[in-house]
Amino acid sequence: MPYKCFYPCISACDGIMQQEKEKEELNAYKLKIVKKYMSMLVE
């Protein structure tokens, strides 16, 4: 989702972007763990 940042809310917008980025990284991390677990089950 694109965020339109205007000068007064740039800091708030940065906060939102940071949260989104952290959420994506967390999901990627979870996915990695799940894949690793699944490959262990398959072996």
N, C-alpha and C. Protein backbone atom coordinates (compact mmCIF):
# COMPACT_ATOMS: atom_id res chain seq x y z
N MET A 1 0.84 -1.20 0.00
CA MET A 1 0.00 0.00 0.00
C MET A 1 0.88 1.25 0.00
N PRO A 2 0.66 2.13 -0.96
CA PRO A 2 1.46 3.36 -0.97
C PRO A 2 0.94 4.35 0.05
N TYR A 3 1.84 4.93 0.81
CA TYR A 3 1.44 5.94 1.79
C TYR A 3 1.79 7.30 1.25
N LYS A 4 0.80 8.21 1.21
CA LYS A 4 1.06 9.57 0.78
C LYS A 4 1.47 10.37 2.00
N CYS A 5 2.71 10.82 2.01
CA CYS A 5 3.21 11.55 3.17
C CYS A 5 3.23 13.04 2.91
N PHE A 6 2.59 13.79 3.77
CA PHE A 6 2.68 15.23 3.71
C PHE A 6 3.55 15.67 4.87
N TYR A 7 4.17 16.83 4.72
CA TYR A 7 5.17 17.28 5.68
C TYR A 7 4.79 17.10 7.15
N PRO A 8 3.60 17.48 7.59
CA PRO A 8 3.28 17.37 9.03
C PRO A 8 3.27 15.94 9.54
N CYS A 9 3.01 14.97 8.67
CA CYS A 9 2.88 13.61 9.17
C CYS A 9 3.98 12.69 8.65
N ILE A 10 5.08 13.28 8.21
CA ILE A 10 6.18 12.44 7.70
C ILE A 10 6.71 11.51 8.79
N SER A 11 6.88 12.03 10.00
CA SER A 11 7.40 11.17 11.07
C SER A 11 6.43 10.05 11.40
N ALA A 12 5.14 10.35 11.43
CA ALA A 12 4.13 9.33 11.69
C ALA A 12 4.14 8.30 10.56
N CYS A 13 4.28 8.80 9.35
CA CYS A 13 4.31 7.93 8.18
C CYS A 13 5.53 7.01 8.23
N ASP A 14 6.67 7.56 8.61
CA ASP A 14 7.88 6.75 8.75
C ASP A 14 7.64 5.63 9.77
N GLY A 15 6.94 5.97 10.84
CA GLY A 15 6.61 4.97 11.86
C GLY A 15 5.78 3.84 11.28
N ILE A 16 4.80 4.21 10.46
CA ILE A 16 3.93 3.21 9.83
C ILE A 16 4.75 2.33 8.88
N MET A 17 5.59 2.97 8.07
CA MET A 17 6.41 2.22 7.11
C MET A 17 7.33 1.25 7.85
N GLN A 18 7.90 1.71 8.96
CA GLN A 18 8.80 0.87 9.75
C GLN A 18 8.05 -0.35 10.28
N GLN A 19 6.82 -0.12 10.79
CA GLN A 19 6.01 -1.23 11.30
C GLN A 19 5.72 -2.23 10.20
N GLU A 20 5.36 -1.73 9.02
CA GLU A 20 5.05 -2.61 7.89
C GLU A 20 6.27 -3.45 7.53
N LYS A 21 7.44 -2.80 7.51
CA LYS A 21 8.68 -3.49 7.16
C LYS A 21 8.98 -4.58 8.18
N GLU A 22 8.82 -4.25 9.46
CA GLU A 22 9.08 -5.23 10.51
C GLU A 22 8.11 -6.40 10.41
N LYS A 23 6.85 -6.10 10.08
CA LYS A 23 5.84 -7.15 9.93
C LYS A 23 6.24 -8.10 8.80
N GLU A 24 6.67 -7.52 7.66
CA GLU A 24 7.10 -8.34 6.53
C GLU A 24 8.28 -9.22 6.89
N GLU A 25 9.25 -8.63 7.60
CA GLU A 25 10.43 -9.39 7.99
C GLU A 25 10.05 -10.52 8.94
N LEU A 26 9.13 -10.25 9.85
CA LEU A 26 8.68 -11.26 10.80
C LEU A 26 7.99 -12.40 10.07
N ASN A 27 7.13 -12.05 9.09
CA ASN A 27 6.44 -13.07 8.31
C ASN A 27 7.41 -13.92 7.51
N ALA A 28 8.41 -13.27 6.94
CA ALA A 28 9.42 -14.00 6.17
C ALA A 28 10.18 -14.96 7.08
N TYR A 29 10.48 -14.50 8.28
CA TYR A 29 11.19 -15.31 9.27
C TYR A 29 10.35 -16.52 9.67
N LYS A 30 9.06 -16.28 9.94
CA LYS A 30 8.15 -17.38 10.30
C LYS A 30 8.08 -18.40 9.16
N LEU A 31 7.98 -17.88 7.94
CA LEU A 31 7.88 -18.75 6.77
C LEU A 31 9.12 -19.63 6.65
N LYS A 32 10.29 -19.03 6.91
CA LYS A 32 11.56 -19.77 6.84
C LYS A 32 11.55 -20.91 7.85
N ILE A 33 11.09 -20.62 9.06
CA ILE A 33 11.03 -21.64 10.12
C ILE A 33 10.07 -22.77 9.72
N VAL A 34 8.92 -22.38 9.20
CA VAL A 34 7.92 -23.38 8.79
C VAL A 34 8.49 -24.27 7.69
N LYS A 35 9.14 -23.66 6.70
CA LYS A 35 9.73 -24.45 5.61
C LYS A 35 10.79 -25.41 6.13
N LYS A 36 11.62 -24.91 7.05
CA LYS A 36 12.67 -25.74 7.63
C LYS A 36 12.04 -26.93 8.36
N TYR A 37 11.00 -26.65 9.14
CA TYR A 37 10.30 -27.68 9.90
C TYR A 37 9.69 -28.71 8.96
N MET A 38 9.06 -28.23 7.89
CA MET A 38 8.42 -29.13 6.93
C MET A 38 9.47 -30.02 6.26
N SER A 39 10.61 -29.46 5.90
CA SER A 39 11.66 -30.26 5.25
C SER A 39 12.20 -31.32 6.22
N MET A 40 12.22 -30.98 7.51
CA MET A 40 12.65 -31.96 8.51
C MET A 40 11.64 -33.11 8.60
N LEU A 41 10.37 -32.79 8.48
CA LEU A 41 9.33 -33.82 8.53
C LEU A 41 9.40 -34.74 7.31
N VAL A 42 9.71 -34.16 6.17
CA VAL A 42 9.76 -34.92 4.92
C VAL A 42 10.90 -35.93 4.92
N GLU A 43 12.03 -35.54 5.48
CA GLU A 43 13.20 -36.43 5.46
C GLU A 43 12.97 -37.74 6.20
